[in-house]
Protein backbone atom coordinates (compact mmCIF):
# COMPACT_ATOMS: atom_id res chain seq x y z
CA UNK A 1 -24.42 117.18 -130.48
CA UNK A 2 -23.16 115.80 -133.66
CA UNK A 3 -26.03 115.77 -135.15
CA UNK A 4 -27.41 119.21 -133.77
CA UNK A 5 -24.10 120.52 -134.65
CA UNK A 6 -24.57 118.85 -137.93
CA UNK A 7 -28.42 120.29 -138.13
CA UNK A 8 -27.23 123.97 -137.19
CA UNK A 9 -24.58 123.98 -140.08
CA UNK A 10 -27.32 122.88 -142.67
CA UNK A 11 -30.33 125.25 -140.87
CA UNK A 12 -27.65 127.92 -140.90
CA UNK A 13 -26.41 127.84 -145.25
CA UNK A 14 -29.79 127.70 -146.09
CA UNK A 15 -30.44 131.02 -144.25
CA UNK A 16 -26.67 132.88 -145.47
CA UNK A 17 -28.52 131.85 -149.18
CA UNK A 18 -31.45 133.08 -148.58
CA UNK A 19 -29.22 136.16 -147.34
CA UNK A 20 -26.89 136.08 -149.99
CA UNK A 21 -30.05 136.05 -152.15
CA UNK A 22 -32.19 138.37 -151.55
CA UNK A 23 -29.57 141.18 -150.66
CA UNK A 24 -27.60 140.61 -154.20
CA UNK A 25 -31.03 141.00 -155.83
CA UNK A 26 -32.22 143.93 -153.58
CA UNK A 27 -28.28 145.40 -154.21
CA UNK A 28 -29.28 144.45 -157.97
CA UNK A 29 -32.81 146.26 -158.28
CA UNK A 30 -31.19 150.21 -156.87
CA UNK A 31 -28.23 150.11 -158.97
CA UNK A 32 -31.00 149.85 -161.26
CA UNK A 33 -33.13 152.21 -160.50
CA UNK A 34 -30.28 154.90 -159.39
CA UNK A 35 -29.41 153.94 -163.13
CA UNK A 36 -31.60 155.38 -164.72
CA UNK A 37 -32.24 157.95 -163.00
CA UNK A 38 -28.58 158.78 -164.12
CA UNK A 39 -29.86 159.05 -166.71
CA UNK A 40 -32.38 160.58 -167.63
CA UNK A 41 -35.22 157.89 -167.62
CA UNK A 42 -36.73 158.78 -163.90
CA UNK A 43 -36.86 162.16 -161.55
CA UNK A 44 -36.20 162.60 -158.20
CA UNK A 45 -39.86 161.83 -157.54
CA UNK A 46 -40.21 158.66 -159.46
CA UNK A 47 -36.41 156.80 -157.99
CA UNK A 48 -37.95 158.34 -154.37
CA UNK A 49 -40.75 155.76 -155.35
CA UNK A 50 -38.55 152.89 -157.06
CA UNK A 51 -37.24 152.73 -154.42
CA UNK A 52 -40.24 151.97 -151.63
CA UNK A 53 -40.69 148.91 -154.59
CA UNK A 54 -36.88 148.41 -154.95
CA UNK A 55 -37.47 145.89 -151.39
CA UNK A 56 -41.05 144.00 -153.07
CA UNK A 57 -39.71 143.73 -156.50
CA UNK A 58 -36.12 141.99 -154.66
CA UNK A 59 -38.13 139.42 -152.55
CA UNK A 60 -40.23 138.13 -155.22
CA UNK A 61 -36.50 138.49 -156.93
CA UNK A 62 -34.61 136.50 -154.57
CA UNK A 63 -37.74 134.08 -153.70
CA UNK A 64 -37.69 133.09 -157.05
CA UNK A 65 -33.82 132.85 -157.74
CA UNK A 66 -34.09 131.47 -153.85
CA UNK A 67 -36.37 128.41 -155.54
CA UNK A 68 -34.32 128.04 -158.17
CA UNK A 69 -31.23 127.62 -157.01
CA UNK A 70 -32.39 125.60 -153.65
CA UNK A 71 -34.83 123.39 -156.00
CA UNK A 72 -31.70 120.60 -156.41
CA UNK A 73 -31.60 120.01 -152.21
CA UNK A 74 -35.55 119.70 -152.17
CA UNK A 75 -35.52 117.07 -154.12
CA UNK A 76 -33.26 115.46 -153.09
CA UNK A 77 -34.39 115.66 -149.63
CA UNK A 78 -37.68 113.93 -150.60
CA UNK A 79 -35.49 111.47 -152.90
CA UNK A 80 -34.11 110.15 -149.49
CA UNK A 81 -37.53 110.53 -147.46
CA UNK A 82 -39.33 108.81 -150.59
CA UNK A 83 -36.46 106.32 -149.67
CA UNK A 84 -36.71 105.41 -146.05
CA UNK A 85 -40.55 104.87 -147.15
CA UNK A 86 -39.77 101.85 -148.78
CA UNK A 87 -36.40 100.82 -146.05
CA UNK A 88 -39.56 101.03 -143.97
CA UNK A 89 -41.15 98.74 -146.24
CA UNK A 90 -39.26 95.67 -145.93
CA UNK A 91 -37.21 96.69 -149.23
CA UNK A 92 -32.91 97.10 -148.27
CA UNK A 93 -31.87 96.72 -152.18
CA UNK A 94 -31.97 100.63 -152.89
CA UNK A 95 -29.76 103.85 -153.11
CA UNK A 96 -29.08 107.10 -153.44
CA UNK A 97 -26.70 108.68 -155.83
CA UNK A 98 -23.89 110.79 -154.19
CA UNK A 99 -22.52 112.45 -156.09
CA UNK A 100 -23.53 115.35 -154.37
CA UNK A 101 -21.93 119.39 -154.48
CA UNK A 102 -23.06 120.05 -150.87
CA UNK A 103 -21.30 118.65 -148.47
CA UNK A 104 -23.71 118.13 -145.62
CA UNK A 105 -26.74 116.38 -148.19
CA UNK A 106 -24.10 114.17 -149.80
CA UNK A 107 -22.98 112.63 -146.15
CA UNK A 108 -26.47 112.02 -145.47
CA UNK A 109 -26.82 110.08 -148.32
CA UNK A 110 -23.90 108.20 -148.13
CA UNK A 111 -25.09 107.73 -144.84
CA UNK A 112 -28.00 105.93 -146.00
CA UNK A 113 -26.71 104.04 -147.70
CA UNK A 114 -24.75 102.53 -145.27
CA UNK A 115 -27.98 101.74 -143.61
CA UNK A 116 -29.57 100.43 -146.50
CA UNK A 117 -25.92 98.24 -146.80
CA UNK A 118 -26.21 97.25 -142.98
CA UNK A 119 -29.86 96.22 -143.07
CA UNK A 120 -29.20 94.29 -145.84
CA UNK A 121 -27.10 91.62 -145.00
CA UNK A 122 -28.28 91.65 -141.69
CA UNK A 123 -31.22 90.22 -143.95
CA UNK A 124 -29.40 87.90 -145.84
CA UNK A 125 -27.44 86.98 -141.49
CA UNK A 126 -31.01 86.35 -140.74
CA UNK A 127 -32.19 84.17 -143.88
CA UNK A 128 -28.27 81.90 -143.78
CA UNK A 129 -28.66 81.73 -139.98
CA UNK A 130 -32.66 79.86 -140.56
CA UNK A 131 -31.48 77.59 -143.64
CA UNK A 132 -28.52 76.65 -142.37
CA UNK A 133 -29.02 76.22 -139.12
CA UNK A 134 -32.96 73.97 -139.84
CA UNK A 135 -30.34 71.90 -142.46
CA UNK A 136 -27.49 70.95 -139.29
CA UNK A 137 -29.33 71.47 -136.52
CA UNK A 138 -31.24 68.14 -137.17
CA UNK A 139 -28.61 65.57 -135.90
CA UNK A 140 -27.33 66.84 -132.63
CA UNK A 141 -30.76 68.04 -131.93
CA UNK A 142 -32.09 64.03 -132.61
CA UNK A 143 -29.05 62.00 -130.38
CA UNK A 144 -30.47 64.69 -127.24
CA UNK A 145 -33.96 63.88 -127.94
CA UNK A 146 -33.13 60.06 -128.76
CA UNK A 147 -30.37 60.46 -125.30
CA UNK A 148 -33.13 61.54 -122.68
CA UNK A 149 -35.90 59.54 -123.83
CA UNK A 150 -33.05 56.41 -123.11
CA UNK A 151 -32.77 58.40 -119.22
CA UNK A 152 -36.26 58.12 -118.57
CA UNK A 153 -35.86 54.26 -118.58
CA UNK A 154 -36.28 53.29 -114.41
CA UNK A 155 -34.33 50.51 -115.34
CA UNK A 156 -31.19 52.14 -116.53
CA UNK A 157 -28.27 51.19 -115.20
CA UNK A 158 -25.92 53.98 -113.71
CA UNK A 159 -23.46 53.35 -116.00
CA UNK A 160 -25.55 53.76 -119.23
CA UNK A 161 -27.00 57.70 -117.04
CA UNK A 162 -24.29 58.97 -117.13
CA UNK A 163 -22.36 57.87 -120.57
CA UNK A 164 -26.19 59.23 -122.36
CA UNK A 165 -25.76 62.41 -119.93
CA UNK A 166 -22.16 62.65 -121.34
CA UNK A 167 -23.67 62.69 -125.10
CA UNK A 168 -26.15 64.95 -124.89
CA UNK A 169 -23.35 66.93 -123.75
CA UNK A 170 -21.37 66.70 -125.63
CA UNK A 171 -24.06 66.71 -128.94
CA UNK A 172 -25.75 70.64 -127.15
CA UNK A 173 -21.63 72.32 -127.24
CA UNK A 174 -22.03 71.05 -130.44
CA UNK A 175 -24.91 72.83 -131.42
CA UNK A 176 -23.81 75.97 -129.06
CA UNK A 177 -20.22 75.77 -131.24
CA UNK A 178 -22.67 75.11 -133.94
CA UNK A 179 -24.83 78.59 -133.54
CA UNK A 180 -21.34 81.18 -132.74
CA UNK A 181 -19.70 80.09 -135.78
CA UNK A 182 -22.61 80.79 -138.43
CA UNK A 183 -23.36 83.54 -136.51
CA UNK A 184 -19.36 84.78 -136.64
CA UNK A 185 -19.20 83.84 -140.09
CA UNK A 186 -22.38 85.59 -141.49
CA UNK A 187 -21.20 88.85 -140.28
CA UNK A 188 -18.47 88.56 -141.87
CA UNK A 189 -20.14 87.53 -144.74
CA UNK A 190 -21.97 89.32 -145.04
CA UNK A 191 -21.37 93.67 -143.19
CA UNK A 192 -19.46 95.99 -144.05
CA UNK A 193 -18.05 97.02 -140.79
CA UNK A 194 -15.04 98.18 -140.53
CA UNK A 195 -12.56 95.23 -138.74
CA UNK A 196 -10.56 96.91 -135.64
CA UNK A 197 -6.64 96.39 -135.73
CA UNK A 198 -4.35 96.64 -132.90
CA UNK A 199 -0.66 95.57 -132.27
CA UNK A 200 0.55 93.12 -130.56
CA UNK A 201 2.38 89.24 -129.85
CA UNK A 202 1.11 87.35 -132.57
CA UNK A 203 4.14 84.99 -130.98
CA UNK A 204 2.74 85.01 -127.83
CA UNK A 205 -0.91 84.63 -129.49
CA UNK A 206 -0.01 81.74 -131.01
CA UNK A 207 1.29 80.00 -127.64
CA UNK A 208 -1.58 81.06 -125.97
CA UNK A 209 -3.60 79.38 -128.98
CA UNK A 210 -2.21 75.68 -128.31
CA UNK A 211 -2.26 75.51 -124.18
CA UNK A 212 -5.55 76.80 -125.59
CA UNK A 213 -5.80 73.07 -127.17
CA UNK A 214 -3.78 71.30 -124.20
CA UNK A 215 -6.49 68.42 -123.83
CA UNK A 216 -7.42 67.61 -127.49
CA UNK A 217 -3.43 66.81 -128.22
CA UNK A 218 -2.34 65.58 -125.45
CA UNK A 219 -4.96 63.10 -124.61
CA UNK A 220 -3.10 62.21 -128.17
CA UNK A 221 -0.20 62.22 -127.12
CA UNK A 222 0.78 64.61 -130.16
CA UNK A 223 4.51 65.56 -130.31
CA UNK A 224 4.61 69.40 -130.64
CA UNK A 225 7.07 70.67 -133.18
CA UNK A 226 7.56 74.62 -132.02
CA UNK A 227 9.26 77.50 -134.26
CA UNK A 228 8.08 80.80 -133.02
CA UNK A 229 10.23 84.06 -134.17
CA UNK A 230 9.20 87.07 -131.92
CA UNK A 231 7.10 89.09 -134.31
CA UNK A 232 4.56 92.04 -133.66
CA UNK A 233 1.12 91.82 -135.40
CA UNK A 234 -1.44 94.84 -136.60
CA UNK A 235 -4.38 93.16 -137.26
CA UNK A 236 -7.94 92.28 -134.95
CA UNK A 237 -6.98 89.79 -132.05
CA UNK A 238 -10.32 88.06 -131.71
CA UNK A 239 -9.85 87.24 -134.96
CA UNK A 240 -6.90 85.65 -135.86
CA UNK A 241 -7.18 83.84 -132.73
CA UNK A 242 -9.74 82.34 -134.88
CA UNK A 243 -7.83 81.00 -136.83
CA UNK A 244 -5.15 79.87 -135.12
CA UNK A 245 -7.45 78.02 -133.05
CA UNK A 246 -9.72 75.92 -136.55
CA UNK A 247 -6.53 75.44 -137.93
CA UNK A 248 -4.56 73.94 -134.95
CA UNK A 249 -7.88 72.16 -134.55
CA UNK A 250 -8.31 70.89 -137.48
CA UNK A 251 -4.69 69.17 -137.62
CA UNK A 252 -5.09 67.36 -134.09
CA UNK A 253 -8.44 65.90 -135.16
CA UNK A 254 -6.90 64.70 -138.50
CA UNK A 255 -3.67 63.07 -136.64
CA UNK A 256 -3.46 60.00 -135.89
CA UNK A 257 -2.15 58.81 -132.21
CA UNK A 258 1.45 59.91 -131.14
CA UNK A 259 0.90 62.43 -134.59
CA UNK A 260 3.65 65.02 -135.14
CA UNK A 261 2.67 68.84 -135.88
CA UNK A 262 4.44 71.59 -135.96
CA UNK A 263 4.25 75.17 -136.15
CA UNK A 264 6.36 77.89 -137.40
CA UNK A 265 6.39 81.71 -137.79
CA UNK A 266 8.48 83.97 -139.64
CA UNK A 267 7.92 87.44 -141.12
CA UNK A 268 9.39 87.82 -144.67
CA UNK A 269 10.16 91.13 -145.92
CA UNK A 270 6.75 93.38 -145.00
CA UNK A 271 4.93 89.45 -144.62
CA UNK A 272 4.13 87.55 -141.66
CA UNK A 273 4.50 84.01 -142.41
CA UNK A 274 2.38 81.18 -139.87
CA UNK A 275 2.54 77.69 -141.57
CA UNK A 276 0.70 74.54 -139.06
CA UNK A 277 1.63 71.26 -140.91
CA UNK A 278 0.90 67.59 -140.03
CA UNK A 279 1.12 63.79 -140.13
CA UNK A 280 -2.08 63.58 -140.98
CA UNK A 281 -4.60 62.04 -143.05
CA UNK A 282 -4.32 63.98 -145.81
CA UNK A 283 -6.35 64.76 -148.57
CA UNK A 284 -6.95 64.72 -151.97
CA UNK A 285 -7.35 66.98 -154.12
CA UNK A 286 -11.14 67.00 -154.32
CA UNK A 287 -11.51 67.91 -151.33
CA UNK A 288 -8.80 69.97 -151.61
CA UNK A 289 -11.24 71.83 -153.75
CA UNK A 290 -13.81 72.76 -152.07
CA UNK A 291 -12.22 72.31 -147.85
CA UNK A 292 -13.15 76.60 -147.94
CA UNK A 293 -16.90 75.72 -148.68
CA UNK A 294 -19.31 76.44 -145.48
CA UNK A 295 -21.31 72.77 -143.58
CA UNK A 296 -18.75 70.85 -146.24
CA UNK A 297 -16.55 67.88 -144.55
CA UNK A 298 -14.22 65.77 -146.61
CA UNK A 299 -13.36 63.09 -144.09
CA UNK A 300 -17.65 61.95 -142.90
CA UNK A 301 -15.94 60.41 -140.69
CA UNK A 302 -15.20 63.08 -138.34
CA UNK A 303 -18.34 65.06 -138.92
CA UNK A 304 -19.43 64.59 -135.04
CA UNK A 305 -16.07 66.37 -134.52
CA UNK A 306 -17.23 69.29 -136.52
CA UNK A 307 -19.85 71.32 -138.49
CA UNK A 308 -18.39 72.36 -141.77
CA UNK A 309 -17.60 75.85 -140.85
CA UNK A 310 -14.02 75.96 -139.64
CA UNK A 311 -12.57 76.41 -142.47
CA UNK A 312 -15.13 78.99 -144.37
CA UNK A 313 -14.78 81.31 -141.13
CA UNK A 314 -10.50 80.87 -141.37
CA UNK A 315 -10.78 82.20 -145.08
CA UNK A 316 -13.13 84.90 -144.73
CA UNK A 317 -11.56 86.05 -141.88
CA UNK A 318 -7.43 86.06 -143.22
CA UNK A 319 -9.88 88.09 -146.63
CA UNK A 320 -10.70 90.53 -143.94
CA UNK A 321 -7.32 91.04 -142.78
CA UNK A 322 -6.11 91.55 -147.23
CA UNK A 323 -4.00 88.18 -146.77
CA UNK A 324 -4.03 84.62 -148.67
CA UNK A 325 -4.11 81.43 -146.78
CA UNK A 326 -2.67 78.63 -149.30
CA UNK A 327 -2.89 74.22 -148.31
CA UNK A 328 -1.47 71.48 -149.88
CA UNK A 329 -2.13 68.54 -148.55
CA UNK A 330 -1.11 64.14 -150.21
CA UNK A 331 -3.37 61.00 -148.75
CA UNK A 332 -1.80 59.49 -145.87
CA UNK A 333 0.84 61.91 -145.87
CA UNK A 334 -0.63 64.90 -144.34
CA UNK A 335 -1.79 68.99 -144.75
CA UNK A 336 -0.01 72.26 -145.01
CA UNK A 337 -2.06 75.59 -144.73
CA UNK A 338 0.28 79.08 -144.91
CA UNK A 339 -1.56 81.85 -143.89
CA UNK A 340 0.45 85.16 -145.27
CA UNK A 341 -0.28 88.55 -143.85
CA UNK A 342 1.12 91.79 -144.02
CA UNK A 343 3.54 93.73 -141.11
CA UNK A 344 1.95 96.60 -141.73
CA UNK A 345 -1.29 98.50 -141.47
CA UNK A 346 -2.83 99.75 -144.64
CA UNK A 347 -1.68 102.69 -144.62
CA UNK A 348 1.83 102.46 -144.57
CA UNK A 349 1.32 99.51 -146.85
CA UNK A 350 -0.14 102.08 -149.23
CA UNK A 351 3.80 104.22 -149.38
């Protein structure tokens, strides 16, 4: 319905423009003929003849003027047509000039540019997915194939059969998580889609994230020090939950049995600060500098427990929210992540 209304509006604009041009040229031609009659250059007979000729002259002049006036809009439409042909061939690296006086055509050019950027992002997403999947899928797929082959042995004990089945399920879940993280990270990196935000209780969400990971921290008998102020946050609820799951999951993974994890939430002025601290194995400076790289894992002893995408994903989500994430660590002492977000919507920050 909206597109139909815009089409009618554009057609009406050109019709009004043509009407105005013809009306002006006809009025000027008639006025010129009357002027010539009054100063004596034309008699009444010639004036009458001139008034009959005036519409024809007006149409000719009006058509020429309309051609000159409408030349630029027509050129823009032809430019858009050529650009769409390039897109149809698979060329998404094309952009139209949006500096156009006519609002309808300017909006058309803007929408076209948004479309090509989205298509280019989708193409990058596809290429990234293929490249990363081919690289990262080898280990779990090989494990699944190996254990599935062992399960075919008839003399296999029930205990071994159960163990191999468990390992197949573990690697299957690992593949599923990997696919989900690659798709989400690629979409957030390359597609210019405004994230949806809403008000929600951040302290409640942090408690939810902690409870979701209860089997992991309870299995290691960890001590949790949770200190959360009541704080409301204007952000994307699902994406922020991904941050806490990644950071808490890493903390649990790298803390030893009966270790300690601290989760702190504070509102400082117009900022919200979340601190997740552990007393785990820690990292040296060389590893710390690369923790946000995709597929990078500093501690290879835990390689099967992750895919090196969690912190890349976390960093991207924080960036999309206009926040910042800081990490400090010391080998044998532990690691601290500090996530800082704005407590205000972007519109209020500007004021």
